[in-house]
């Protein structure tokens, strides 16, 4: 019988060698990992997230990470490391960079919402450059919420010029600027490994949408990018038109996230025309824009008459009333490919409630594939909100239950880029 690795004991030895106290939270999670039978055959992801509410948490510091990295340095059993919501700084990034340079098994690394800045971003980016690193396995890196700034984004752009392994990179909420967005877009025209990138909420000080123009040029030339997130880019008519023009020539993108922009009913005309001609897009997220009834009608016409590839559409919180919502429900009666639709946050009237209740009752729309649920009061049908969506667990994961719940994270069920 094979002896499982004793990660907890190795961690205690690392702490003694470094003359520092153990972190009880890390010690507990390593003890739990030692009990996991899958660690020997499949490897595991260590989830040492600082927002865990089920056990007492002492958030991971830079010194704690040094001991943890020393523990994991020679093990092949840990393939993922989740360190979100801790207090790691640039010093911690230095330890992580050294770990990445020598590690040959880690595939998933989540450093979401720590305190890593520009210097830390440089260290981690350099560690992933194949010319100086042994790391040729990391597939998914989340830097979400670390304020690496424009310079930090430039370091990651340089890394992408060399790295040919990374498949998913999340730089959302990282305070990227126009310069780094343009640099990343330019590099992605040549990089053939990146399949998904998140560039949400940059800091843009111009209304000219220069970064969107360069992202559009990239989409014309890339044949590998599958998933693109452009949430909170202040995108308006000009930017939407450029993106749609580019996507006429793109045959790879399956997931386009344009949520939380300034897209209006007139801008949706371009998206409607795109859906009539595009044959690859499977997921379109327009959550929290202002497409109104006219925009919903443009989309419904394209979906009813021409498009047979889109599987999921989110128009939640778009100031759409009954006229537009009923048009979308009618489109689903003729378009059998559109299976997921999210509409909460709009203006429901009785016709809307009846239309979506009918879709659910007839089986055309599965209850797990929408964010509303019909109920009846005094003979009238109403719609209640259900916690389903394309990426409900982007910023957080449930403390218990299924971590990759397909109902709450439909985008993973439809078009997952990789295991992670």
Protein backbone atom coordinates (compact mmCIF):
# COMPACT_ATOMS: atom_id res chain seq x y z
CA UNK A 1 0.00 0.00 0.00
CA UNK A 2 1.41 3.39 -1.06
CA UNK A 3 2.14 5.94 1.62
CA UNK A 4 0.50 9.30 0.98
CA UNK A 5 2.64 12.44 1.17
CA UNK A 6 2.63 14.09 4.59
CA UNK A 7 2.32 17.72 3.54
CA UNK A 8 1.51 18.88 7.06
CA UNK A 9 4.67 17.38 8.49
CA UNK A 10 6.75 18.86 5.67
CA UNK A 11 5.22 22.26 6.38
CA UNK A 12 6.13 22.06 10.08
CA UNK A 13 9.69 21.20 9.13
CA UNK A 14 9.83 24.14 6.69
CA UNK A 15 8.61 26.52 9.41
CA UNK A 16 11.27 25.23 11.83
CA UNK A 17 13.99 25.60 9.21
CA UNK A 18 12.92 29.21 8.55
CA UNK A 19 12.54 29.91 12.30
CA UNK A 20 8.97 31.14 11.97
CA UNK A 21 5.69 30.09 13.58
CA UNK A 22 3.26 27.94 11.65
CA UNK A 23 0.07 29.42 10.30
CA UNK A 24 -2.73 27.29 11.84
CA UNK A 25 -4.98 27.85 8.81
CA UNK A 26 -2.34 26.50 6.41
CA UNK A 27 -1.59 23.63 8.79
CA UNK A 28 -5.28 22.68 8.94
CA UNK A 29 -5.73 22.79 5.15
CA UNK A 30 -2.62 20.66 4.61
CA UNK A 31 -3.89 18.11 7.13
CA UNK A 32 -7.16 17.94 5.18
CA UNK A 33 -5.20 17.51 1.95
CA UNK A 34 -3.26 14.61 3.47
CA UNK A 35 -6.57 12.83 4.05
CA UNK A 36 -7.63 13.20 0.40
CA UNK A 37 -7.33 9.85 -1.41
CA UNK A 38 -7.24 11.58 -4.81
CA UNK A 39 -3.95 13.30 -4.04
CA UNK A 40 -1.96 10.20 -5.00
CA UNK A 41 -3.60 9.53 -8.39
CA UNK A 42 -4.99 12.84 -9.66
CA UNK A 43 -3.33 15.54 -7.63
CA UNK A 44 -5.29 18.25 -5.83
CA UNK A 45 -5.85 21.98 -5.65
CA UNK A 46 -4.96 23.43 -2.25
CA UNK A 47 -7.66 25.97 -1.41
CA UNK A 48 -6.14 28.29 1.20
CA UNK A 49 -8.53 31.18 0.55
CA UNK A 50 -8.61 33.98 3.11
CA UNK A 51 -12.39 34.38 2.81
CA UNK A 52 -13.18 30.87 4.06
CA UNK A 53 -16.03 31.12 6.59
CA UNK A 54 -16.18 27.47 7.64
CA UNK A 55 -12.92 27.29 9.57
CA UNK A 56 -10.89 29.81 11.60
CA UNK A 57 -8.75 31.78 9.16
CA UNK A 58 -5.39 33.38 9.76
CA UNK A 59 -4.70 35.00 6.43
CA UNK A 60 -1.54 34.01 4.60
CA UNK A 61 1.36 36.49 4.87
CA UNK A 62 4.54 36.75 2.81
CA UNK A 63 6.45 34.75 5.45
CA UNK A 64 3.74 32.07 5.49
CA UNK A 65 3.98 31.76 1.71
CA UNK A 66 7.76 31.27 1.93
CA UNK A 67 7.25 28.25 4.19
CA UNK A 68 4.38 26.92 2.05
CA UNK A 69 6.44 27.25 -1.14
CA UNK A 70 9.30 25.36 0.51
CA UNK A 71 6.81 22.62 1.47
CA UNK A 72 5.44 22.27 -2.06
CA UNK A 73 8.72 22.66 -3.90
CA UNK A 74 9.45 18.94 -4.19
CA UNK A 75 5.93 17.54 -4.31
CA UNK A 76 4.19 16.50 -7.51
CA UNK A 77 0.80 16.03 -5.89
CA UNK A 78 -0.35 19.66 -5.78
CA UNK A 79 -1.50 20.82 -9.22
CA UNK A 80 -3.46 23.88 -8.11
CA UNK A 81 -2.99 26.61 -5.50
CA UNK A 82 -5.79 28.98 -4.44
CA UNK A 83 -4.51 31.88 -2.31
CA UNK A 84 -7.26 34.41 -2.97
CA UNK A 85 -8.23 37.06 -0.38
CA UNK A 86 -5.01 36.89 1.63
CA UNK A 87 -2.46 39.61 2.49
CA UNK A 88 0.38 38.78 0.12
CA UNK A 89 2.50 41.73 -1.04
CA UNK A 90 5.39 42.15 -3.48
CA UNK A 91 7.61 40.21 -1.05
CA UNK A 92 5.20 37.31 -1.26
CA UNK A 93 5.24 37.62 -5.04
CA UNK A 94 9.02 37.15 -4.88
CA UNK A 95 8.58 33.82 -3.07
CA UNK A 96 5.89 32.78 -5.53
CA UNK A 97 8.09 33.71 -8.50
CA UNK A 98 10.95 31.60 -7.15
CA UNK A 99 8.52 28.72 -6.64
CA UNK A 100 7.17 29.03 -10.20
CA UNK A 101 10.65 29.05 -11.71
CA UNK A 102 11.42 25.65 -10.22
CA UNK A 103 7.97 24.02 -10.18
CA UNK A 104 6.95 21.69 -12.99
CA UNK A 105 3.53 20.47 -11.83
CA UNK A 106 1.39 23.53 -10.94
CA UNK A 107 -1.38 24.17 -13.49
CA UNK A 108 -3.64 26.61 -11.62
CA UNK A 109 -2.64 29.61 -9.49
CA UNK A 110 -5.14 32.02 -7.95
CA UNK A 111 -3.73 35.17 -6.31
CA UNK A 112 -6.99 37.10 -6.54
CA UNK A 113 -7.41 40.16 -4.28
CA UNK A 114 -4.11 40.25 -2.47
CA UNK A 115 -1.85 43.32 -2.18
CA UNK A 116 0.56 42.58 -5.01
CA UNK A 117 1.70 45.66 -6.90
CA UNK A 118 3.82 46.51 -9.93
CA UNK A 119 7.05 45.00 -8.58
CA UNK A 120 5.34 41.75 -7.71
CA UNK A 121 3.72 41.62 -11.14
CA UNK A 122 7.15 41.98 -12.74
CA UNK A 123 8.56 39.09 -10.68
CA UNK A 124 5.68 36.73 -11.45
CA UNK A 125 5.62 37.65 -15.14
CA UNK A 126 9.38 37.07 -15.46
CA UNK A 127 9.03 33.72 -13.72
CA UNK A 128 6.68 32.58 -16.46
CA UNK A 129 9.01 33.48 -19.31
CA UNK A 130 10.17 30.15 -20.70
CA UNK A 131 13.71 31.35 -21.37
CA UNK A 132 14.52 31.57 -17.64
CA UNK A 133 11.98 29.20 -16.10
CA UNK A 134 11.41 25.50 -15.75
CA UNK A 135 7.66 26.16 -15.51
CA UNK A 136 5.96 24.78 -18.57
CA UNK A 137 2.76 23.60 -16.93
CA UNK A 138 0.85 26.63 -15.56
CA UNK A 139 -2.37 26.90 -17.56
CA UNK A 140 -4.44 29.41 -15.57
CA UNK A 141 -3.27 32.46 -13.63
CA UNK A 142 -5.65 34.80 -11.76
CA UNK A 143 -4.23 38.16 -10.72
CA UNK A 144 -7.72 39.65 -10.28
CA UNK A 145 -7.91 42.67 -7.98
CA UNK A 146 -4.17 43.14 -7.44
CA UNK A 147 -3.37 46.77 -8.25
CA UNK A 148 -0.48 46.06 -10.59
CA UNK A 149 -1.28 49.14 -12.69
CA UNK A 150 -0.30 49.97 -16.22
CA UNK A 151 3.37 49.02 -15.71
CA UNK A 152 2.38 45.66 -14.27
CA UNK A 153 0.21 45.04 -17.30
CA UNK A 154 3.17 45.81 -19.54
CA UNK A 155 5.22 43.13 -17.79
CA UNK A 156 2.51 40.57 -18.48
CA UNK A 157 2.37 41.68 -22.11
CA UNK A 158 6.12 41.02 -22.37
CA UNK A 159 5.66 37.62 -20.74
CA UNK A 160 3.01 36.68 -23.32
CA UNK A 161 5.51 37.33 -26.09
CA UNK A 162 7.57 34.39 -24.83
CA UNK A 163 5.28 32.09 -22.81
CA UNK A 164 3.64 29.46 -25.01
CA UNK A 165 1.86 27.44 -22.30
CA UNK A 166 -0.55 29.74 -20.43
CA UNK A 167 -4.16 29.26 -21.59
CA UNK A 168 -6.13 31.54 -19.27
CA UNK A 169 -5.03 34.88 -17.81
CA UNK A 170 -7.22 37.04 -15.59
CA UNK A 171 -6.09 40.66 -15.18
CA UNK A 172 -9.52 42.01 -14.24
CA UNK A 173 -9.73 44.84 -11.67
CA UNK A 174 -5.94 45.29 -11.86
CA UNK A 175 -5.98 49.01 -12.80
CA UNK A 176 -4.57 48.38 -16.27
CA UNK A 177 -4.22 51.45 -18.49
CA UNK A 178 -4.63 52.15 -22.18
CA UNK A 179 -0.95 51.45 -22.91
CA UNK A 180 -0.95 47.99 -21.35
CA UNK A 181 -4.28 47.07 -22.94
CA UNK A 182 -2.89 47.97 -26.36
CA UNK A 183 0.32 46.04 -25.64
CA UNK A 184 -1.60 42.92 -24.55
CA UNK A 185 -3.88 43.14 -27.60
CA UNK A 186 -0.86 43.47 -29.88
CA UNK A 187 0.92 40.47 -28.33
CA UNK A 188 -2.19 38.30 -28.61
CA UNK A 189 -2.08 38.58 -32.39
CA UNK A 190 1.03 36.39 -32.24
CA UNK A 191 0.47 34.31 -29.08
CA UNK A 192 -1.23 31.03 -30.00
CA UNK A 193 -1.63 29.51 -26.55
CA UNK A 194 -3.89 31.99 -24.72
CA UNK A 195 -7.50 30.92 -25.13
CA UNK A 196 -9.18 33.10 -22.50
CA UNK A 197 -8.31 36.56 -21.18
CA UNK A 198 -10.05 38.84 -18.71
CA UNK A 199 -9.33 42.57 -19.03
CA UNK A 200 -12.21 43.84 -16.90
CA UNK A 201 -12.30 47.32 -15.37
CA UNK A 202 -9.18 49.09 -16.63
CA UNK A 203 -8.53 52.74 -15.74
CA UNK A 204 -9.24 54.67 -18.94
CA UNK A 205 -8.94 58.46 -19.07
CA UNK A 206 -9.93 58.95 -22.71
CA UNK A 207 -13.29 58.74 -24.44
CA UNK A 208 -11.71 57.79 -27.77
CA UNK A 209 -11.84 54.02 -27.14
CA UNK A 210 -8.30 53.48 -28.45
CA UNK A 211 -7.89 50.23 -26.50
CA UNK A 212 -11.12 48.83 -27.96
CA UNK A 213 -9.87 49.62 -31.47
CA UNK A 214 -6.67 47.64 -30.85
CA UNK A 215 -8.59 44.75 -29.27
CA UNK A 216 -10.76 44.69 -32.40
CA UNK A 217 -7.66 44.56 -34.61
CA UNK A 218 -6.41 41.65 -32.51
CA UNK A 219 -9.70 39.78 -33.00
CA UNK A 220 -9.30 40.10 -36.76
CA UNK A 221 -5.92 38.38 -36.64
CA UNK A 222 -6.14 35.80 -33.85
CA UNK A 223 -7.38 32.28 -34.41
CA UNK A 224 -6.85 30.91 -30.92
CA UNK A 225 -8.75 33.20 -28.51
CA UNK A 226 -11.98 31.59 -27.34
CA UNK A 227 -13.07 33.78 -24.41
CA UNK A 228 -12.81 37.57 -23.98
CA UNK A 229 -14.02 39.69 -21.05
CA UNK A 230 -14.30 43.46 -21.59
CA UNK A 231 -16.49 44.45 -18.64
CA UNK A 232 -16.44 48.13 -17.54
CA UNK A 233 -14.55 49.49 -20.54
CA UNK A 234 -16.87 52.50 -20.96
CA UNK A 235 -17.71 51.03 -24.36
CA UNK A 236 -20.14 52.92 -26.56
CA UNK A 237 -21.31 53.05 -30.18
CA UNK A 238 -17.89 53.43 -31.81
CA UNK A 239 -16.24 50.61 -29.85
CA UNK A 240 -19.12 48.18 -30.34
CA UNK A 241 -19.09 48.82 -34.09
CA UNK A 242 -15.32 48.17 -34.30
CA UNK A 243 -15.65 44.92 -32.33
CA UNK A 244 -18.50 43.66 -34.49
CA UNK A 245 -16.61 44.47 -37.69
CA UNK A 246 -13.66 42.47 -36.38
CA UNK A 247 -15.81 39.51 -35.40
CA UNK A 248 -17.09 39.15 -38.95
CA UNK A 249 -13.59 37.84 -39.72
CA UNK A 250 -13.03 35.92 -36.47
CA UNK A 251 -13.76 32.19 -36.42
CA UNK A 252 -12.60 31.26 -32.91
CA UNK A 253 -14.28 33.47 -30.27
CA UNK A 254 -17.09 31.66 -28.45
CA UNK A 255 -17.61 33.83 -25.35
CA UNK A 256 -17.87 37.64 -25.48
CA UNK A 257 -18.46 39.55 -22.24
CA UNK A 258 -19.54 43.18 -22.74
CA UNK A 259 -21.30 43.58 -19.40
CA UNK A 260 -21.35 46.87 -17.46
CA UNK A 261 -20.59 49.13 -20.43
CA UNK A 262 -22.54 51.99 -22.01
CA UNK A 263 -24.16 50.02 -24.80
CA UNK A 264 -27.53 51.48 -25.87
CA UNK A 265 -30.33 50.36 -28.15
CA UNK A 266 -28.65 51.94 -31.20
CA UNK A 267 -25.38 50.12 -30.50
CA UNK A 268 -27.17 46.77 -30.39
CA UNK A 269 -27.93 47.12 -34.11
CA UNK A 270 -24.32 46.18 -34.75
CA UNK A 271 -24.59 43.16 -32.46
CA UNK A 272 -27.80 42.14 -34.18
CA UNK A 273 -26.10 42.23 -37.58
CA UNK A 274 -23.17 40.30 -36.14
CA UNK A 275 -25.45 37.53 -34.87
CA UNK A 276 -26.96 37.23 -38.33
CA UNK A 277 -23.57 36.44 -39.83
CA UNK A 278 -21.38 35.03 -37.05
CA UNK A 279 -21.24 31.24 -36.83
CA UNK A 280 -19.04 30.71 -33.77
CA UNK A 281 -20.25 32.89 -30.87
CA UNK A 282 -21.95 30.78 -28.19
CA UNK A 283 -22.19 33.15 -25.20
CA UNK A 284 -23.02 36.88 -25.26
CA UNK A 285 -23.12 38.77 -21.95
CA UNK A 286 -24.76 42.20 -22.13
CA UNK A 287 -25.63 42.38 -18.44
CA UNK A 288 -25.97 45.91 -16.98
CA UNK A 289 -26.08 47.98 -20.15
CA UNK A 290 -29.07 49.93 -21.48
CA UNK A 291 -30.32 48.19 -24.61
CA UNK A 292 -34.04 48.81 -23.81
CA UNK A 293 -36.91 47.37 -25.86
CA UNK A 294 -35.53 48.32 -29.27
CA UNK A 295 -32.22 46.64 -28.53
CA UNK A 296 -33.94 43.47 -27.31
CA UNK A 297 -36.02 43.42 -30.50
CA UNK A 298 -32.90 43.74 -32.69
CA UNK A 299 -31.41 40.74 -30.90
CA UNK A 300 -34.61 38.71 -31.05
CA UNK A 301 -34.97 39.27 -34.81
CA UNK A 302 -31.43 38.03 -35.43
CA UNK A 303 -31.92 35.05 -33.14
CA UNK A 304 -35.30 34.09 -34.57
CA UNK A 305 -34.39 34.34 -38.24
CA UNK A 306 -30.67 33.77 -38.73
CA UNK A 307 -28.48 32.78 -35.81
CA UNK A 308 -28.25 29.12 -34.81
CA UNK A 309 -25.04 29.09 -32.80
CA UNK A 310 -25.67 31.35 -29.77
CA UNK A 311 -26.50 29.20 -26.74
CA UNK A 312 -26.56 31.78 -23.92
CA UNK A 313 -27.65 35.41 -23.73
CA UNK A 314 -27.71 37.71 -20.71
CA UNK A 315 -29.69 40.96 -20.91
CA UNK A 316 -30.18 41.34 -17.15
CA UNK A 317 -30.53 44.94 -15.89
CA UNK A 318 -30.93 46.58 -19.30
CA UNK A 319 -34.09 48.66 -18.83
CA UNK A 320 -36.04 46.29 -21.07
CA UNK A 321 -39.81 46.17 -20.58
CA UNK A 322 -42.50 43.72 -21.65
CA UNK A 323 -42.33 44.43 -25.37
CA UNK A 324 -38.64 43.53 -25.66
CA UNK A 325 -38.75 40.60 -23.25
CA UNK A 326 -41.74 39.00 -25.00
CA UNK A 327 -39.88 39.38 -28.32
CA UNK A 328 -36.95 37.44 -26.86
CA UNK A 329 -39.25 34.73 -25.54
CA UNK A 330 -40.86 34.45 -28.98
CA UNK A 331 -37.42 34.08 -30.56
CA UNK A 332 -36.78 31.07 -28.35
CA UNK A 333 -39.81 29.34 -29.82
CA UNK A 334 -38.17 29.23 -33.25
CA UNK A 335 -34.51 29.16 -32.22
CA UNK A 336 -33.85 25.83 -30.54
CA UNK A 337 -30.12 26.48 -29.98
CA UNK A 338 -30.61 29.35 -27.52
CA UNK A 339 -30.93 27.45 -24.25
CA UNK A 340 -29.81 29.93 -21.55
CA UNK A 341 -31.34 33.39 -21.09
CA UNK A 342 -31.00 35.77 -18.13
CA UNK A 343 -33.44 38.68 -17.78
CA UNK A 344 -33.66 39.68 -14.10
CA UNK A 345 -33.45 43.40 -13.31
CA UNK A 346 -35.69 44.52 -16.17
CA UNK A 347 -39.29 45.75 -16.16
CA UNK A 348 -41.61 42.76 -15.94
CA UNK A 349 -45.25 43.11 -16.91
CA UNK A 350 -47.93 40.44 -16.98
CA UNK A 351 -47.17 39.52 -20.60
CA UNK A 352 -43.50 38.94 -19.73
CA UNK A 353 -44.38 36.76 -16.75
CA UNK A 354 -46.80 34.71 -18.83
CA UNK A 355 -44.34 34.32 -21.72
CA UNK A 356 -41.46 33.02 -19.62
CA UNK A 357 -43.74 30.91 -17.46
CA UNK A 358 -44.98 29.23 -20.63
CA UNK A 359 -41.42 28.62 -21.86
CA UNK A 360 -40.56 26.92 -18.57
CA UNK A 361 -43.80 24.93 -18.26
CA UNK A 362 -43.58 23.58 -21.83
CA UNK A 363 -39.97 22.51 -21.25
CA UNK A 364 -38.54 24.86 -23.88
CA UNK A 365 -36.59 26.69 -21.16
CA UNK A 366 -35.15 24.61 -18.33
CA UNK A 367 -35.53 26.14 -14.84
CA UNK A 368 -31.78 25.77 -14.35
CA UNK A 369 -31.03 27.80 -17.49
CA UNK A 370 -32.56 31.12 -16.48
CA UNK A 371 -32.51 33.50 -13.52
CA UNK A 372 -36.28 33.72 -13.01
CA UNK A 373 -38.86 31.35 -11.59
CA UNK A 374 -42.64 31.75 -12.05
CA UNK A 375 -45.06 31.72 -9.12
CA UNK A 376 -48.76 32.50 -8.85
CA UNK A 377 -50.60 34.86 -6.49
CA UNK A 378 -54.35 35.46 -6.70
CA UNK A 379 -54.49 34.05 -10.21
CA UNK A 380 -51.65 36.23 -11.53
CA UNK A 381 -48.24 34.92 -12.64
CA UNK A 382 -45.13 36.66 -11.29
CA UNK A 383 -41.40 36.03 -11.68
CA UNK A 384 -38.96 35.63 -8.78
CA UNK A 385 -35.18 35.86 -9.00
CA UNK A 386 -33.11 32.68 -8.91
CA UNK A 387 -29.35 32.69 -8.28
CA UNK A 388 -28.42 31.35 -11.69
CA UNK A 389 -26.16 33.03 -14.23
CA UNK A 390 -23.16 32.87 -16.53
CA UNK A 391 -20.55 33.49 -13.82
CA UNK A 392 -22.15 34.02 -10.43
CA UNK A 393 -19.07 32.70 -8.65
CA UNK A 394 -16.52 34.95 -10.35
CA UNK A 395 -15.64 36.93 -7.21
CA UNK A 396 -16.55 34.28 -4.66
CA UNK A 397 -17.27 30.58 -4.33
CA UNK A 398 -19.83 28.98 -2.02
CA UNK A 399 -18.59 27.84 1.38
CA UNK A 400 -20.33 24.51 0.93
CA UNK A 401 -21.97 22.60 -1.88
CA UNK A 402 -20.77 22.22 -5.44
CA UNK A 403 -17.97 24.66 -6.24
CA UNK A 404 -18.54 24.55 -10.00
CA UNK A 405 -22.34 24.63 -9.88
CA UNK A 406 -23.45 24.53 -13.52
CA UNK A 407 -26.63 26.49 -12.82
CA UNK A 408 -24.72 29.41 -11.30
CA UNK A 409 -21.79 29.19 -13.72
CA UNK A 410 -23.38 28.29 -17.03
CA UNK A 411 -20.44 29.66 -19.03
CA UNK A 412 -18.30 26.81 -17.68
CA UNK A 413 -20.89 24.26 -18.71
CA UNK A 414 -21.15 25.67 -22.24
CA UNK A 415 -17.65 26.65 -23.22
CA UNK A 416 -15.05 25.73 -20.63
CA UNK A 417 -11.59 26.53 -21.97
CA UNK A 418 -9.83 23.98 -19.78
CA UNK A 419 -10.24 21.93 -16.62
CA UNK A 420 -9.44 25.04 -14.59
